[in-house]
C-alpha atoms as a PDB file:
ATOM      1  CA  MET A   1      16.610 -40.828 189.923  1.00  0.00           C
ATOM      2  CA  THR A   2      13.382 -40.306 192.088  1.00  0.00           C
ATOM      3  CA  CYS A   3      10.625 -42.770 192.418  1.00  0.00           C
ATOM      4  CA  ALA A   4       7.314 -41.754 193.325  1.00  0.00           C
ATOM      5  CA  GLY A   5       6.643 -41.620 196.841  1.00  0.00           C
ATOM      6  CA  SER A   6      10.613 -42.038 197.756  1.00  0.00           C
ATOM      7  CA  PRO A   7      12.237 -38.929 199.855  1.00  0.00           C
ATOM      8  CA  PRO A   8      13.913 -36.602 197.465  1.00  0.00           C
ATOM      9  CA  THR A   9      17.599 -37.034 196.474  1.00  0.00           C
ATOM     10  CA  ARG A  10      20.020 -34.489 198.239  1.00  0.00           C
ATOM     11  CA  PRO A  11      20.249 -32.710 194.543  1.00  0.00           C
ATOM     12  CA  ALA A  12      16.497 -32.572 194.353  1.00  0.00           C
ATOM     13  CA  ARG A  13      16.455 -30.876 197.800  1.00  0.00           C
ATOM     14  CA  ALA A  14      18.509 -28.864 197.211  1.00  0.00           C
ATOM     15  CA  ALA A  15      16.753 -27.263 194.283  1.00  0.00           C
ATOM     16  CA  MET A  16      13.469 -27.141 196.009  1.00  0.00           C
ATOM     17  CA  ALA A  17      15.180 -24.754 199.073  1.00  0.00           C
ATOM     18  CA  LEU A  18      16.543 -22.404 196.027  1.00  0.00           C
ATOM     19  CA  ALA A  19      13.228 -22.035 195.120  1.00  0.00           C
ATOM     20  CA  THR A  20      11.475 -21.481 198.476  1.00  0.00           C
ATOM     21  CA  CYS A  21      13.966 -18.976 199.280  1.00  0.00           C
ATOM     22  CA  LEU A  22      13.879 -17.208 196.086  1.00  0.00           C
ATOM     23  CA  CYS A  23       9.857 -17.391 196.287  1.00  0.00           C
ATOM     24  CA  ALA A  24      10.187 -16.059 199.740  1.00  0.00           C
ATOM     25  CA  ALA A  25      12.424 -13.028 198.781  1.00  0.00           C
ATOM     26  CA  ALA A  26      10.258 -12.120 196.401  1.00  0.00           C
ATOM     27  CA  ILE A  27       7.312 -11.855 198.259  1.00  0.00           C
ATOM     28  CA  ALA A  28       9.234  -9.830 200.740  1.00  0.00           C
ATOM     29  CA  GLY A  29       9.116  -7.000 197.863  1.00  0.00           C
ATOM     30  CA  CYS A  30      12.266  -8.040 195.583  1.00  0.00           C
ATOM     31  CA  ALA A  31      11.387  -7.173 191.852  1.00  0.00           C
ATOM     32  CA  SER A  32      11.610 -10.641 190.830  1.00  0.00           C
ATOM     33  CA  PRO A  33      13.689 -14.031 191.600  1.00  0.00           C
ATOM     34  CA  LEU A  34      15.505 -13.272 188.403  1.00  0.00           C
ATOM     35  CA  ALA A  35      16.730 -10.205 189.776  1.00  0.00           C
ATOM     36  CA  LEU A  36      17.518 -11.879 193.218  1.00  0.00           C
ATOM     37  CA  THR A  37      19.737 -14.420 191.543  1.00  0.00           C
ATOM     38  CA  ARG A  38      21.368 -11.331 190.045  1.00  0.00           C
ATOM     39  CA  GLY A  39      21.868 -10.089 192.935  1.00  0.00           C
ATOM     40  CA  LEU A  40      19.834  -6.698 192.517  1.00  0.00           C
ATOM     41  CA  SER A  41      17.445  -4.890 194.778  1.00  0.00           C
ATOM     42  CA  ARG A  42      15.142  -1.948 194.585  1.00  0.00           C
ATOM     43  CA  VAL A  43      14.904   1.543 196.402  1.00  0.00           C
ATOM     44  CA  GLU A  44      11.830   3.238 196.645  1.00  0.00           C
ATOM     45  CA  GLY A  45      10.840   6.176 199.057  1.00  0.00           C
ATOM     46  CA  GLU A  46       8.852   9.922 198.656  1.00  0.00           C
ATOM     47  CA  VAL A  47      10.298  13.123 198.663  1.00  0.00           C
ATOM     48  CA  ARG A  48       8.090  16.051 200.299  1.00  0.00           C
ATOM     49  CA  VAL A  49       8.949  19.848 201.096  1.00  0.00           C
ATOM     50  CA  SER A  50       8.700  20.890 204.949  1.00  0.00           C
ATOM     51  CA  GLY A  51       6.264  22.661 206.233  1.00  0.00           C
ATOM     52  CA  GLY A  52       3.567  22.405 203.172  1.00  0.00           C
ATOM     53  CA  ARG A  53       4.441  26.182 202.100  1.00  0.00           C
ATOM     54  CA  GLU A  54       5.637  24.598 198.532  1.00  0.00           C
ATOM     55  CA  SER A  55       4.089  22.351 196.594  1.00  0.00           C
ATOM     56  CA  LEU A  56       6.053  19.460 194.548  1.00  0.00           C
ATOM     57  CA  GLN A  57       4.099  20.294 191.045  1.00  0.00           C
ATOM     58  CA  LYS A  58       5.931  23.707 191.544  1.00  0.00           C
ATOM     59  CA  LEU A  59       9.506  21.894 191.823  1.00  0.00           C
ATOM     60  CA  GLY A  60       8.451  20.693 187.857  1.00  0.00           C
ATOM     61  CA  PRO A  61       9.840  16.882 186.562  1.00  0.00           C
ATOM     62  CA  VAL A  62      12.094  15.540 189.382  1.00  0.00           C
ATOM     63  CA  VAL A  63      14.423  12.917 189.115  1.00  0.00           C
ATOM     64  CA  VAL A  64      15.886  10.913 191.669  1.00  0.00           C
ATOM     65  CA  TYR A  65      19.051   8.997 190.976  1.00  0.00           C
ATOM     66  CA  LEU A  66      22.006   7.107 193.014  1.00  0.00           C
ATOM     67  CA  GLU A  67      25.812   7.166 192.681  1.00  0.00           C
ATOM     68  CA  GLY A  68      28.546   5.666 193.952  1.00  0.00           C
ATOM     69  CA  ARG A  69      29.614   2.083 192.278  1.00  0.00           C
ATOM     70  CA  GLY A  70      32.159   2.737 189.277  1.00  0.00           C
ATOM     71  CA  GLU A  71      30.189   0.264 187.051  1.00  0.00           C
ATOM     72  CA  LEU A  72      27.940   2.806 187.385  1.00  0.00           C
ATOM     73  CA  ASP A  73      29.597   5.138 185.825  1.00  0.00           C
ATOM     74  CA  ALA A  74      30.440   3.137 182.688  1.00  0.00           C
ATOM     75  CA  PRO A  75      28.729   5.381 179.750  1.00  0.00           C
ATOM     76  CA  GLY A  76      25.763   3.719 178.445  1.00  0.00           C
ATOM     77  CA  ALA A  77      24.927   3.111 175.014  1.00  0.00           C
ATOM     78  CA  GLY A  78      22.234   3.190 172.324  1.00  0.00           C
ATOM     79  CA  THR A  79      19.655   6.422 170.654  1.00  0.00           C
ATOM     80  CA  LEU A  80      16.419   7.862 171.709  1.00  0.00           C
ATOM     81  CA  THR A  81      14.195   8.858 169.101  1.00  0.00           C
ATOM     82  CA  LEU A  82      12.247  11.742 170.263  1.00  0.00           C
ATOM     83  CA  SER A  83       8.885  13.071 168.474  1.00  0.00           C
ATOM     84  CA  ASP A  84       7.481  16.660 167.494  1.00  0.00           C
ATOM     85  CA  LEU A  85       4.116  15.092 168.030  1.00  0.00           C
ATOM     86  CA  ARG A  86       2.884  16.815 171.681  1.00  0.00           C
ATOM     87  CA  ARG A  87      -0.114  17.140 173.535  1.00  0.00           C
ATOM     88  CA  ASP A  88       0.051  20.089 174.924  1.00  0.00           C
ATOM     89  CA  GLY A  89       1.181  23.006 172.539  1.00  0.00           C
ATOM     90  CA  LEU A  90       5.151  22.744 172.072  1.00  0.00           C
ATOM     91  CA  GLY A  91       5.980  21.714 175.497  1.00  0.00           C
ATOM     92  CA  HIS A  92       7.903  18.135 175.827  1.00  0.00           C
ATOM     93  CA  ASP A  93       7.921  16.211 179.089  1.00  0.00           C
ATOM     94  CA  LEU A  94      11.219  15.602 180.531  1.00  0.00           C
ATOM     95  CA  VAL A  95      13.207  13.274 178.533  1.00  0.00           C
ATOM     96  CA  VAL A  96      16.127  11.169 180.966  1.00  0.00           C
ATOM     97  CA  LEU A  97      18.489   9.198 179.920  1.00  0.00           C
ATOM     98  CA  THR A  98      22.121   8.212 180.729  1.00  0.00           C
ATOM     99  CA  ARG A  99      25.772   9.663 179.924  1.00  0.00           C
ATOM    100  CA  GLY A 100      26.657   7.942 176.420  1.00  0.00           C
ATOM    101  CA  GLN A 101      23.154   7.579 175.009  1.00  0.00           C
ATOM    102  CA  SER A 102      22.077   9.377 171.883  1.00  0.00           C
ATOM    103  CA  LEU A 103      18.910  11.438 170.876  1.00  0.00           C
ATOM    104  CA  ARG A 104      17.457  11.859 167.522  1.00  0.00           C
ATOM    105  CA  PHE A 105      14.635  14.142 166.546  1.00  0.00           C
ATOM    106  CA  VAL A 106      11.959  13.414 164.296  1.00  0.00           C
ATOM    107  CA  SER A 107       9.539  15.633 162.484  1.00  0.00           C
ATOM    108  CA  GLN A 108       5.901  13.408 162.414  1.00  0.00           C
ATOM    109  CA  SER A 109       3.919  16.458 161.909  1.00  0.00           C
ATOM    110  CA  GLY A 110       5.684  17.302 158.565  1.00  0.00           C
ATOM    111  CA  VAL A 111       6.971  20.783 160.535  1.00  0.00           C
ATOM    112  CA  ALA A 112      11.112  21.313 160.105  1.00  0.00           C
ATOM    113  CA  HIS A 113      12.221  22.224 163.473  1.00  0.00           C
ATOM    114  CA  ARG A 114      16.104  24.234 164.276  1.00  0.00           C
ATOM    115  CA  LEU A 115      16.935  23.268 167.511  1.00  0.00           C
ATOM    116  CA  PHE A 116      19.922  24.419 169.592  1.00  0.00           C
ATOM    117  CA  ALA A 117      21.614  24.345 172.600  1.00  0.00           C
ATOM    118  CA  ILE A 118      23.936  26.108 175.008  1.00  0.00           C
ATOM    119  CA  ARG A 119      26.315  23.433 176.874  1.00  0.00           C
ATOM    120  CA  GLY A 120      28.916  25.644 178.884  1.00  0.00           C
ATOM    121  CA  PRO A 121      30.876  27.506 175.849  1.00  0.00           C
ATOM    122  CA  GLU A 122      29.627  25.286 173.257  1.00  0.00           C
ATOM    123  CA  ARG A 123      26.614  25.500 171.270  1.00  0.00           C
ATOM    124  CA  LEU A 124      24.644  22.858 169.921  1.00  0.00           C
ATOM    125  CA  ASP A 125      22.545  23.005 166.776  1.00  0.00           C
ATOM    126  CA  VAL A 126      20.272  20.231 165.351  1.00  0.00           C
ATOM    127  CA  GLU A 127      18.414  20.844 162.206  1.00  0.00           C
ATOM    128  CA  VAL A 128      15.542  18.826 161.703  1.00  0.00           C
ATOM    129  CA  THR A 129      13.389  18.960 157.819  1.00  0.00           C
ATOM    130  CA  GLU A 130       9.777  18.705 157.229  1.00  0.00           C
ATOM    131  CA  GLY A 131       8.851  14.621 157.716  1.00  0.00           C
ATOM    132  CA  GLY A 132      12.654  13.972 158.146  1.00  0.00           C
ATOM    133  CA  GLU A 133      14.664  13.304 161.142  1.00  0.00           C
ATOM    134  CA  SER A 134      17.810  14.512 162.389  1.00  0.00           C
ATOM    135  CA  ARG A 135      21.058  13.627 162.725  1.00  0.00           C
ATOM    136  CA  VAL A 136      22.309  11.592 165.845  1.00  0.00           C
ATOM    137  CA  VAL A 137      22.854  13.605 169.056  1.00  0.00           C
ATOM    138  CA  PRO A 138      25.765  12.179 171.256  1.00  0.00           C
ATOM    139  CA  MET A 139      24.610  13.471 175.075  1.00  0.00           C
ATOM    140  CA  GLU A 140      28.295  12.770 176.561  1.00  0.00           C
ATOM    141  CA  HIS A 141      28.152  15.406 178.900  1.00  0.00           C
ATOM    142  CA  THR A 142      25.514  14.937 182.682  1.00  0.00           C
ATOM    143  CA  GLY A 143      23.262  17.186 183.841  1.00  0.00           C
ATOM    144  CA  TRP A 144      20.576  19.108 182.597  1.00  0.00           C
ATOM    145  CA  THR A 145      20.376  21.022 178.670  1.00  0.00           C
ATOM    146  CA  ARG A 146      17.292  22.885 176.850  1.00  0.00           C
ATOM    147  CA  PHE A 147      17.138  22.655 173.237  1.00  0.00           C
ATOM    148  CA  TYR A 148      15.072  25.473 171.785  1.00  0.00           C
ATOM    149  CA  CYS A 149      13.907  25.931 168.569  1.00  0.00           C
ATOM    150  CA  SER A 150      14.647  29.294 166.339  1.00  0.00           C
ATOM    151  CA  LEU A 151      11.430  28.697 164.233  1.00  0.00           C
ATOM    152  CA  HIS A 152       9.088  28.159 167.002  1.00  0.00           C
ATOM    153  CA  PRO A 153       9.981  30.283 170.192  1.00  0.00           C
ATOM    154  CA  ASP A 154       7.827  28.667 172.305  1.00  0.00           C
ATOM    155  CA  GLU A 155       9.111  24.908 171.835  1.00  0.00           C
ATOM    156  CA  ILE A 156      11.639  23.622 174.162  1.00  0.00           C
ATOM    157  CA  TRP A 157      12.987  19.683 175.147  1.00  0.00           C
ATOM    158  CA  ASP A 158      14.376  18.929 178.646  1.00  0.00           C
ATOM    159  CA  VAL A 159      16.849  16.782 178.396  1.00  0.00           C
ATOM    160  CA  PHE A 160      18.423  15.229 181.791  1.00  0.00           C
ATOM    161  CA  VAL A 161      21.680  13.073 181.352  1.00  0.00           C
ATOM    162  CA  SER A 162      21.966  11.141 184.633  1.00  0.00           C
ATOM    163  CA  PRO A 163      25.455  10.245 185.554  1.00  0.00           C
ATOM    164  CA  SER A 164      23.918   6.757 186.717  1.00  0.00           C
ATOM    165  CA  PRO A 165      21.135   4.123 184.891  1.00  0.00           C
ATOM    166  CA  HIS A 166      19.660   3.808 188.137  1.00  0.00           C
ATOM    167  CA  PHE A 167      17.269   6.734 188.297  1.00  0.00           C
ATOM    168  CA  ALA A 168      13.557   7.233 188.277  1.00  0.00           C
ATOM    169  CA  LEU A 169      10.898  10.123 188.031  1.00  0.00           C
ATOM    170  CA  LEU A 170       9.039  11.594 191.226  1.00  0.00           C
ATOM    171  CA  ASP A 171       5.031  10.375 190.366  1.00  0.00           C
ATOM    172  CA  PRO A 172       2.700  13.398 191.389  1.00  0.00           C
ATOM    173  CA  GLU A 173       2.533  12.051 194.710  1.00  0.00           C
ATOM    174  CA  GLY A 174       5.884  12.060 195.287  1.00  0.00           C
ATOM    175  CA  ALA A 175       7.265   8.799 195.482  1.00  0.00           C
ATOM    176  CA  TYR A 176       9.812   6.817 193.375  1.00  0.00           C
ATOM    177  CA  ARG A 177      11.094   3.811 192.821  1.00  0.00           C
ATOM    178  CA  ILE A 178      13.933   2.436 191.419  1.00  0.00           C
ATOM    179  CA  ASP A 179      14.866  -1.272 190.530  1.00  0.00           C
ATOM    180  CA  ASN A 180      17.293  -3.658 189.817  1.00  0.00           C
ATOM    181  CA  VAL A 181      19.971  -1.698 191.874  1.00  0.00           C
ATOM    182  CA  PRO A 182      23.582  -3.758 192.688  1.00  0.00           C
ATOM    183  CA  ARG A 183      23.777  -4.363 196.459  1.00  0.00           C
ATOM    184  CA  GLY A 184      26.287  -1.761 197.736  1.00  0.00           C
ATOM    185  CA  ASP A 185      26.780   1.596 199.187  1.00  0.00           C
ATOM    186  CA  TYR A 186      25.115   4.697 196.917  1.00  0.00           C
ATOM    187  CA  ALA A 187      24.838   8.464 197.348  1.00  0.00           C
ATOM    188  CA  LEU A 188      21.368   9.349 196.629  1.00  0.00           C
ATOM    189  CA  SER A 189      21.108  12.575 194.783  1.00  0.00           C
ATOM    190  CA  ILE A 190      17.647  14.354 193.800  1.00  0.00           C
ATOM    191  CA  TRP A 191      17.870  16.660 190.348  1.00  0.00           C
ATOM    192  CA  SER A 192      15.321  19.547 189.118  1.00  0.00           C
ATOM    193  CA  LEU A 193      15.342  23.197 188.272  1.00  0.00           C
ATOM    194  CA  ALA A 194      14.572  24.355 191.964  1.00  0.00           C
ATOM    195  CA  VAL A 195      17.143  21.293 193.910  1.00  0.00           C
ATOM    196  CA  ASN A 196      20.347  19.580 192.632  1.00  0.00           C
ATOM    197  CA  GLY A 197      22.538  17.838 194.535  1.00  0.00           C
ATOM    198  CA  ALA A 198      23.341  14.671 196.935  1.00  0.00           C
ATOM    199  CA  VAL A 199      20.526  14.419 199.532  1.00  0.00           C
ATOM    200  CA  ARG A 200      21.908  11.152 201.642  1.00  0.00           C
ATOM    201  CA  ARG A 201      23.706   7.785 201.465  1.00  0.00           C
ATOM    202  CA  VAL A 202      21.811   4.749 200.850  1.00  0.00           C
ATOM    203  CA  HIS A 203      23.021   1.559 201.894  1.00  0.00           C
ATOM    204  CA  VAL A 204      21.244  -1.303 199.037  1.00  0.00           C
ATOM    205  CA  GLY A 205      21.113  -4.661 200.777  1.00  0.00           C
ATOM    206  CA  PHE A 206      19.590  -8.241 199.862  1.00  0.00           C
ATOM    207  CA  ARG A 207      15.708  -6.844 200.126  1.00  0.00           C
ATOM    208  CA  THR A 208      14.126  -3.712 199.327  1.00  0.00           C
ATOM    209  CA  SER A 209      15.604  -0.708 200.520  1.00  0.00           C
ATOM    210  CA  ALA A 210      12.493   1.335 201.721  1.00  0.00           C
ATOM    211  CA  LEU A 211      13.566   4.877 202.357  1.00  0.00           C
ATOM    212  CA  GLU A 212      12.109   7.334 205.379  1.00  0.00           C
ATOM    213  CA  PRO A 213      10.869  10.745 203.356  1.00  0.00           C
ATOM    214  CA  ILE A 214      13.156  13.117 201.915  1.00  0.00           C
ATOM    215  CA  TRP A 215      12.311  16.856 203.197  1.00  0.00           C
ATOM    216  CA  LEU A 216      13.271  19.083 200.844  1.00  0.00           C
ATOM    217  CA  ASP A 217      14.368  22.911 202.546  1.00  0.00           C
ATOM    218  CA  PRO A 218      12.029  25.570 200.831  1.00  0.00           C
ATOM    219  CA  ALA A 219      14.406  27.923 201.876  1.00  0.00           C
ATOM    220  CA  LYS A 220      16.981  26.547 199.687  1.00  0.00           C
ATOM    221  CA  LEU A 221      14.859  25.716 196.622  1.00  0.00           C
ATOM    222  CA  HIS A 222      15.691  27.803 193.399  1.00  0.00           C
ATOM    223  CA  PRO A 223      12.510  29.995 192.395  1.00  0.00           C
END
């Protein structure tokens, strides 16, 4: 027991030191003291197009993700529900999930949909009844899948299945931030309809890994 005015005991001094260390590290840029105790950090940076001849907006949605650790390859779980209520016509924002998660489509508008997608030699058909919902659709294959609707030719749903749970979408300014990343070495990859592939190696240490901007060669961007 420690009395008022007496020096703190050894366990008390150790607890105070740990608290001071966690607070200092959190101020230095880590996501939270809890993340620090679990050995997690953060990766952040920017993506730019060399020469200024292309705009990031022309690339469409861009996903940045990390690969390289065995535990990142374990399939995810859970079902993501997508509604047909939308703000701009029949297009929908890109949906990003991890391998092993599932999708379910819901008609909140009261309109039926007959969705389909082509994944290699496989055709995937998903029916959404009026005011109802579809069956659960497992997403086991990584990469991009586009769902079309045979009842509404202008309707599309873009889905990207990330090989890793550690991913982020670029914001309008070209910045990304991936939180809660275990320490280690990774390959940082970029995906969009215009570019796809690993771009650099990344070492994630105790603190935030703030990377130099990634410059994309406009000559290598797909139209």
